[in-house]
């Protein structure tokens, strides 16, 4: 199994009325529940609007997310990219014009070996 991250971009619900918001929240709950039931959901959170953009010249604050800003993430464990993309296609973020960038996460666990010293950590193989 491999780990994938879903980077949610856009999909802000600022223009939605109360009924649309309720329906949208239920859709998210159902989608997330289905991922949990399938046993693929590892972690995920929405992000607040405030961001600080850092480059070699320093940092600048951005109070509101731009349409292409990352608005949240999920980490899933699945067999391959094709399956991850298939799971993303049912996401409610598309209802409000959002997108999902799906990426495989780099794993360093393959480089670790259990050293049986009962410290709760695995040491890096040499």
N, C-alpha and C. Protein backbone atom coordinates (compact mmCIF):
# COMPACT_ATOMS: atom_id res chain seq x y z
N UNK A 1 0.85 -1.18 0.00
CA UNK A 1 0.00 0.00 0.00
C UNK A 1 0.89 1.25 0.00
N UNK A 2 0.38 2.29 -0.60
CA UNK A 2 1.12 3.55 -0.70
C UNK A 2 0.27 4.66 -0.10
N UNK A 3 0.93 5.71 0.33
CA UNK A 3 0.22 6.87 0.87
C UNK A 3 0.14 7.98 -0.17
N UNK A 4 -1.04 8.60 -0.21
CA UNK A 4 -1.30 9.70 -1.14
C UNK A 4 -1.86 10.87 -0.37
N UNK A 5 -1.54 12.06 -0.82
CA UNK A 5 -2.12 13.26 -0.22
C UNK A 5 -3.05 13.91 -1.23
N UNK A 6 -4.20 14.31 -0.75
CA UNK A 6 -5.13 15.11 -1.53
C UNK A 6 -4.95 16.54 -1.06
N UNK A 7 -4.52 17.43 -1.92
CA UNK A 7 -4.41 18.85 -1.61
C UNK A 7 -5.62 19.54 -2.22
N UNK A 8 -6.52 19.99 -1.35
CA UNK A 8 -7.73 20.65 -1.81
C UNK A 8 -7.41 22.10 -2.13
N UNK A 9 -7.88 22.56 -3.27
CA UNK A 9 -7.65 23.94 -3.68
C UNK A 9 -8.99 24.58 -4.02
N UNK A 10 -9.19 25.79 -3.53
CA UNK A 10 -10.44 26.50 -3.79
C UNK A 10 -11.61 25.81 -3.12
N UNK A 11 -12.77 25.90 -3.76
CA UNK A 11 -13.96 25.27 -3.22
C UNK A 11 -14.61 26.02 -2.08
N UNK A 12 -14.30 27.32 -1.98
CA UNK A 12 -14.87 28.14 -0.91
C UNK A 12 -16.39 28.25 -1.07
N UNK A 13 -17.09 28.25 0.05
CA UNK A 13 -18.55 28.27 0.06
C UNK A 13 -19.12 29.63 0.44
N UNK A 14 -18.36 30.70 0.24
CA UNK A 14 -18.78 32.05 0.64
C UNK A 14 -20.12 32.46 0.03
N UNK A 15 -20.41 32.01 -1.18
CA UNK A 15 -21.63 32.43 -1.87
C UNK A 15 -22.82 31.52 -1.59
N UNK A 16 -22.64 30.48 -0.79
CA UNK A 16 -23.71 29.51 -0.54
C UNK A 16 -24.70 30.03 0.49
N UNK A 17 -25.97 29.66 0.31
CA UNK A 17 -26.98 29.99 1.33
C UNK A 17 -26.98 28.89 2.40
N UNK A 18 -27.78 29.05 3.45
CA UNK A 18 -27.78 28.11 4.57
C UNK A 18 -28.11 26.69 4.14
N UNK A 19 -29.10 26.54 3.28
CA UNK A 19 -29.48 25.21 2.82
C UNK A 19 -28.36 24.56 2.03
N UNK A 20 -27.73 25.32 1.15
CA UNK A 20 -26.62 24.79 0.36
C UNK A 20 -25.45 24.39 1.27
N UNK A 21 -25.20 25.19 2.30
CA UNK A 21 -24.13 24.85 3.24
C UNK A 21 -24.43 23.56 3.98
N UNK A 22 -25.68 23.41 4.45
CA UNK A 22 -26.07 22.18 5.15
C UNK A 22 -25.90 20.96 4.25
N UNK A 23 -26.36 21.07 3.02
CA UNK A 23 -26.25 19.96 2.06
C UNK A 23 -24.79 19.64 1.77
N UNK A 24 -23.99 20.70 1.63
CA UNK A 24 -22.57 20.52 1.34
C UNK A 24 -21.85 19.84 2.51
N UNK A 25 -22.16 20.25 3.73
CA UNK A 25 -21.56 19.62 4.91
C UNK A 25 -21.94 18.15 5.00
N UNK A 26 -23.21 17.84 4.74
CA UNK A 26 -23.65 16.43 4.75
C UNK A 26 -22.91 15.62 3.68
N UNK A 27 -22.73 16.22 2.51
CA UNK A 27 -22.01 15.53 1.44
C UNK A 27 -20.57 15.22 1.86
N UNK A 28 -19.91 16.21 2.50
CA UNK A 28 -18.55 15.99 2.99
C UNK A 28 -18.54 14.88 4.04
N UNK A 29 -19.49 14.92 4.98
CA UNK A 29 -19.55 13.90 6.03
C UNK A 29 -19.72 12.50 5.42
N UNK A 30 -20.60 12.38 4.44
CA UNK A 30 -20.83 11.09 3.80
C UNK A 30 -19.58 10.60 3.06
N UNK A 31 -18.93 11.51 2.35
CA UNK A 31 -17.74 11.14 1.61
C UNK A 31 -16.62 10.70 2.55
N UNK A 32 -16.41 11.48 3.62
CA UNK A 32 -15.36 11.15 4.59
C UNK A 32 -15.69 9.82 5.29
N UNK A 33 -16.97 9.61 5.65
CA UNK A 33 -17.38 8.35 6.27
C UNK A 33 -17.08 7.17 5.34
N UNK A 34 -17.32 7.34 4.04
CA UNK A 34 -17.06 6.25 3.10
C UNK A 34 -15.57 5.92 3.04
N UNK A 35 -14.72 6.95 3.10
CA UNK A 35 -13.27 6.72 3.11
C UNK A 35 -12.83 5.99 4.38
N UNK A 36 -13.44 6.37 5.51
CA UNK A 36 -13.13 5.69 6.77
C UNK A 36 -13.59 4.24 6.73
N UNK A 37 -14.80 4.01 6.22
CA UNK A 37 -15.34 2.65 6.14
C UNK A 37 -14.49 1.76 5.25
N UNK A 38 -13.90 2.34 4.20
CA UNK A 38 -13.01 1.58 3.32
C UNK A 38 -11.64 1.35 3.95
N UNK A 39 -11.37 2.03 5.06
CA UNK A 39 -10.11 1.86 5.76
C UNK A 39 -8.93 2.53 5.10
N UNK A 40 -9.18 3.56 4.29
CA UNK A 40 -8.09 4.22 3.57
C UNK A 40 -7.70 5.58 4.15
N UNK A 41 -8.55 6.16 4.98
CA UNK A 41 -8.29 7.51 5.51
C UNK A 41 -7.30 7.44 6.66
N UNK A 42 -6.23 8.22 6.54
CA UNK A 42 -5.21 8.29 7.59
C UNK A 42 -5.35 9.58 8.40
N UNK A 43 -5.47 10.72 7.70
CA UNK A 43 -5.48 12.02 8.38
C UNK A 43 -6.03 13.06 7.42
N UNK A 44 -6.41 14.20 7.96
CA UNK A 44 -6.84 15.31 7.12
C UNK A 44 -7.44 16.43 7.94
N UNK A 45 -7.31 17.64 7.42
CA UNK A 45 -7.86 18.83 8.07
C UNK A 45 -8.12 19.92 7.05
N UNK A 46 -9.12 20.77 7.32
CA UNK A 46 -9.25 21.99 6.52
C UNK A 46 -8.21 23.00 7.00
N UNK A 47 -7.98 24.03 6.21
CA UNK A 47 -7.02 25.07 6.58
C UNK A 47 -7.71 26.41 6.71
N UNK A 48 -7.19 27.23 7.60
CA UNK A 48 -7.72 28.58 7.77
C UNK A 48 -7.27 29.46 6.61
N UNK A 49 -7.98 30.58 6.42
CA UNK A 49 -7.68 31.46 5.29
C UNK A 49 -6.34 32.17 5.39
N UNK A 50 -5.92 32.53 6.57
CA UNK A 50 -4.68 33.30 6.73
C UNK A 50 -3.47 32.44 6.37
N UNK A 51 -2.59 32.99 5.56
CA UNK A 51 -1.37 32.28 5.18
C UNK A 51 -0.20 33.25 5.15
N UNK A 52 0.97 32.74 5.30
CA UNK A 52 2.19 33.52 5.14
C UNK A 52 2.98 32.86 4.02
N UNK A 53 3.29 33.63 3.02
CA UNK A 53 4.07 33.15 1.88
C UNK A 53 5.52 33.53 2.12
N UNK A 54 6.41 32.55 2.07
CA UNK A 54 7.82 32.77 2.35
C UNK A 54 8.63 32.48 1.10
N UNK A 55 9.53 33.42 0.78
CA UNK A 55 10.49 33.18 -0.29
C UNK A 55 11.85 33.69 0.18
N UNK A 56 12.84 33.69 -0.68
CA UNK A 56 14.19 34.08 -0.26
C UNK A 56 14.28 35.54 0.18
N UNK A 57 13.28 36.36 -0.20
CA UNK A 57 13.28 37.77 0.18
C UNK A 57 12.54 38.05 1.48
N UNK A 58 11.96 37.02 2.08
CA UNK A 58 11.24 37.22 3.33
C UNK A 58 9.85 36.62 3.29
N UNK A 59 8.99 37.18 4.12
CA UNK A 59 7.64 36.63 4.26
C UNK A 59 6.60 37.72 4.05
N UNK A 60 5.48 37.33 3.48
CA UNK A 60 4.37 38.26 3.32
C UNK A 60 3.08 37.55 3.68
N UNK A 61 2.21 38.23 4.39
CA UNK A 61 0.96 37.63 4.83
C UNK A 61 -0.10 37.77 3.74
N UNK A 62 -0.91 36.75 3.65
CA UNK A 62 -2.06 36.78 2.75
C UNK A 62 -3.28 36.51 3.64
N UNK A 63 -4.19 37.48 3.74
CA UNK A 63 -5.33 37.36 4.63
C UNK A 63 -6.39 36.40 4.13
N UNK A 64 -6.62 36.38 2.84
CA UNK A 64 -7.64 35.50 2.28
C UNK A 64 -7.00 34.57 1.28
N UNK A 65 -7.53 33.39 1.22
CA UNK A 65 -7.01 32.42 0.26
C UNK A 65 -7.38 32.82 -1.16
N UNK A 66 -6.43 32.72 -2.04
CA UNK A 66 -6.71 32.91 -3.46
C UNK A 66 -7.43 31.66 -3.97
N UNK A 67 -8.02 31.74 -5.13
CA UNK A 67 -8.77 30.60 -5.67
C UNK A 67 -7.92 29.35 -5.80
N UNK A 68 -6.61 29.50 -5.98
CA UNK A 68 -5.75 28.34 -6.15
C UNK A 68 -4.99 27.96 -4.88
N UNK A 69 -5.35 28.59 -3.76
CA UNK A 69 -4.68 28.27 -2.50
C UNK A 69 -5.14 26.91 -1.97
N UNK A 70 -4.25 26.27 -1.24
CA UNK A 70 -4.59 25.01 -0.59
C UNK A 70 -5.55 25.32 0.56
N UNK A 71 -6.70 24.66 0.57
CA UNK A 71 -7.72 24.90 1.58
C UNK A 71 -7.88 23.74 2.54
N UNK A 72 -7.16 22.65 2.30
CA UNK A 72 -7.22 21.50 3.18
C UNK A 72 -6.45 20.34 2.58
N UNK A 73 -6.39 19.24 3.34
CA UNK A 73 -5.67 18.06 2.85
C UNK A 73 -6.27 16.80 3.46
N UNK A 74 -6.06 15.69 2.79
CA UNK A 74 -6.31 14.35 3.33
C UNK A 74 -5.11 13.49 2.99
N UNK A 75 -4.80 12.57 3.85
CA UNK A 75 -3.80 11.55 3.55
C UNK A 75 -4.52 10.21 3.55
N UNK A 76 -4.34 9.49 2.45
CA UNK A 76 -4.99 8.20 2.26
C UNK A 76 -3.95 7.13 1.99
N UNK A 77 -4.31 5.90 2.30
CA UNK A 77 -3.46 4.76 1.96
C UNK A 77 -4.24 3.88 1.00
N UNK A 78 -3.68 3.67 -0.17
CA UNK A 78 -4.35 2.85 -1.18
C UNK A 78 -3.31 2.17 -2.06
N UNK A 79 -3.78 1.37 -2.99
CA UNK A 79 -2.86 0.55 -3.77
C UNK A 79 -2.04 1.31 -4.80
N UNK A 80 -2.68 2.29 -5.47
CA UNK A 80 -1.95 2.99 -6.53
C UNK A 80 -2.61 4.34 -6.84
N UNK A 81 -1.97 5.10 -7.71
CA UNK A 81 -2.46 6.43 -8.08
C UNK A 81 -3.85 6.35 -8.71
N UNK A 82 -4.08 5.36 -9.54
CA UNK A 82 -5.37 5.21 -10.21
C UNK A 82 -6.51 5.10 -9.18
N UNK A 83 -6.31 4.31 -8.14
CA UNK A 83 -7.32 4.14 -7.09
C UNK A 83 -7.49 5.45 -6.31
N UNK A 84 -6.40 6.16 -6.03
CA UNK A 84 -6.48 7.43 -5.31
C UNK A 84 -7.28 8.45 -6.11
N UNK A 85 -7.03 8.54 -7.41
CA UNK A 85 -7.75 9.47 -8.27
C UNK A 85 -9.23 9.10 -8.33
N UNK A 86 -9.52 7.81 -8.40
CA UNK A 86 -10.91 7.36 -8.41
C UNK A 86 -11.64 7.79 -7.14
N UNK A 87 -10.97 7.67 -6.00
CA UNK A 87 -11.58 8.08 -4.73
C UNK A 87 -11.81 9.58 -4.68
N UNK A 88 -10.90 10.34 -5.27
CA UNK A 88 -11.02 11.80 -5.27
C UNK A 88 -12.21 12.28 -6.09
N UNK A 89 -12.60 11.52 -7.09
CA UNK A 89 -13.63 11.98 -8.01
C UNK A 89 -15.00 12.15 -7.37
N UNK A 90 -15.23 11.56 -6.21
CA UNK A 90 -16.52 11.69 -5.53
C UNK A 90 -16.53 12.82 -4.49
N UNK A 91 -15.47 13.59 -4.42
CA UNK A 91 -15.34 14.63 -3.39
C UNK A 91 -16.30 15.80 -3.65
N UNK A 92 -16.96 16.28 -2.60
CA UNK A 92 -17.88 17.41 -2.72
C UNK A 92 -17.22 18.76 -3.02
N UNK A 93 -15.90 18.86 -3.00
CA UNK A 93 -15.25 20.14 -3.27
C UNK A 93 -15.58 20.64 -4.68
N UNK A 94 -15.90 19.72 -5.58
CA UNK A 94 -16.19 20.09 -6.97
C UNK A 94 -17.51 20.87 -7.08
N UNK A 95 -18.39 20.72 -6.07
CA UNK A 95 -19.69 21.42 -6.08
C UNK A 95 -19.52 22.94 -6.06
N UNK A 96 -18.39 23.40 -5.52
CA UNK A 96 -18.13 24.84 -5.44
C UNK A 96 -16.85 25.22 -6.19
N UNK A 97 -16.57 24.50 -7.27
CA UNK A 97 -15.48 24.88 -8.16
C UNK A 97 -14.09 24.56 -7.68
N UNK A 98 -13.96 23.76 -6.64
CA UNK A 98 -12.65 23.41 -6.14
C UNK A 98 -12.00 22.31 -6.96
N UNK A 99 -10.73 22.08 -6.71
CA UNK A 99 -9.97 21.03 -7.36
C UNK A 99 -9.18 20.25 -6.32
N UNK A 100 -8.67 19.11 -6.73
CA UNK A 100 -7.83 18.29 -5.85
C UNK A 100 -6.55 17.93 -6.60
N UNK A 101 -5.44 18.22 -5.97
CA UNK A 101 -4.14 17.76 -6.49
C UNK A 101 -3.81 16.48 -5.72
N UNK A 102 -3.63 15.38 -6.43
CA UNK A 102 -3.32 14.09 -5.82
C UNK A 102 -1.85 13.79 -6.05
N UNK A 103 -1.14 13.50 -4.95
CA UNK A 103 0.29 13.19 -5.05
C UNK A 103 0.62 12.00 -4.18
N UNK A 104 1.54 11.17 -4.67
CA UNK A 104 2.04 10.08 -3.83
C UNK A 104 3.06 10.67 -2.85
N UNK A 105 2.99 10.23 -1.62
CA UNK A 105 3.95 10.69 -0.62
C UNK A 105 5.19 9.82 -0.65
N UNK A 106 6.31 10.46 -0.49
CA UNK A 106 7.59 9.77 -0.41
C UNK A 106 7.63 9.01 0.92
N UNK A 107 8.05 7.79 0.89
CA UNK A 107 8.13 7.00 2.12
C UNK A 107 9.58 6.65 2.42
N UNK A 108 9.97 6.94 3.64
CA UNK A 108 11.31 6.57 4.09
C UNK A 108 11.25 5.34 4.98
N UNK A 109 10.06 4.80 5.18
CA UNK A 109 9.91 3.64 6.05
C UNK A 109 10.64 2.42 5.49
N UNK A 110 10.80 2.36 4.17
CA UNK A 110 11.51 1.23 3.58
C UNK A 110 12.98 1.21 3.99
N UNK A 111 13.51 2.37 4.40
CA UNK A 111 14.91 2.45 4.80
C UNK A 111 15.12 2.15 6.28
N UNK A 112 14.02 1.87 7.00
CA UNK A 112 14.11 1.63 8.43
C UNK A 112 14.04 0.15 8.75
N UNK A 113 14.79 -0.27 9.75
CA UNK A 113 14.73 -1.65 10.22
C UNK A 113 14.52 -1.63 11.72
N UNK A 114 13.74 -2.59 12.22
CA UNK A 114 13.51 -2.70 13.65
C UNK A 114 14.79 -3.21 14.30
N UNK A 115 15.24 -2.51 15.33
CA UNK A 115 16.48 -2.90 15.98
C UNK A 115 16.24 -3.68 17.27
N UNK A 116 14.95 -3.94 17.61
CA UNK A 116 14.58 -4.76 18.78
C UNK A 116 15.15 -4.26 20.10
N UNK A 117 15.40 -2.96 20.25
CA UNK A 117 15.92 -2.47 21.52
C UNK A 117 14.82 -1.90 22.42
N UNK A 118 13.56 -2.10 22.06
CA UNK A 118 12.39 -1.71 22.87
C UNK A 118 12.30 -0.22 23.17
N UNK A 119 12.91 0.62 22.34
CA UNK A 119 12.80 2.06 22.58
C UNK A 119 11.63 2.68 21.84
N UNK A 120 10.88 1.86 21.10
CA UNK A 120 9.73 2.37 20.37
C UNK A 120 10.06 2.99 19.03
N UNK A 121 11.32 3.02 18.67
CA UNK A 121 11.75 3.59 17.41
C UNK A 121 12.48 2.55 16.60
N UNK A 122 12.45 2.77 15.30
CA UNK A 122 13.27 1.92 14.42
C UNK A 122 14.45 2.75 13.96
N UNK A 123 15.60 2.14 13.95
CA UNK A 123 16.80 2.85 13.53
C UNK A 123 16.95 2.78 12.02
N UNK A 124 17.61 3.80 11.46
CA UNK A 124 17.87 3.83 10.02
C UNK A 124 18.91 2.77 9.67
N UNK A 125 18.60 1.97 8.67
CA UNK A 125 19.53 0.94 8.23
C UNK A 125 20.74 1.57 7.60
N UNK A 126 21.86 0.96 7.81
CA UNK A 126 23.09 1.48 7.22
C UNK A 126 23.51 0.65 6.05
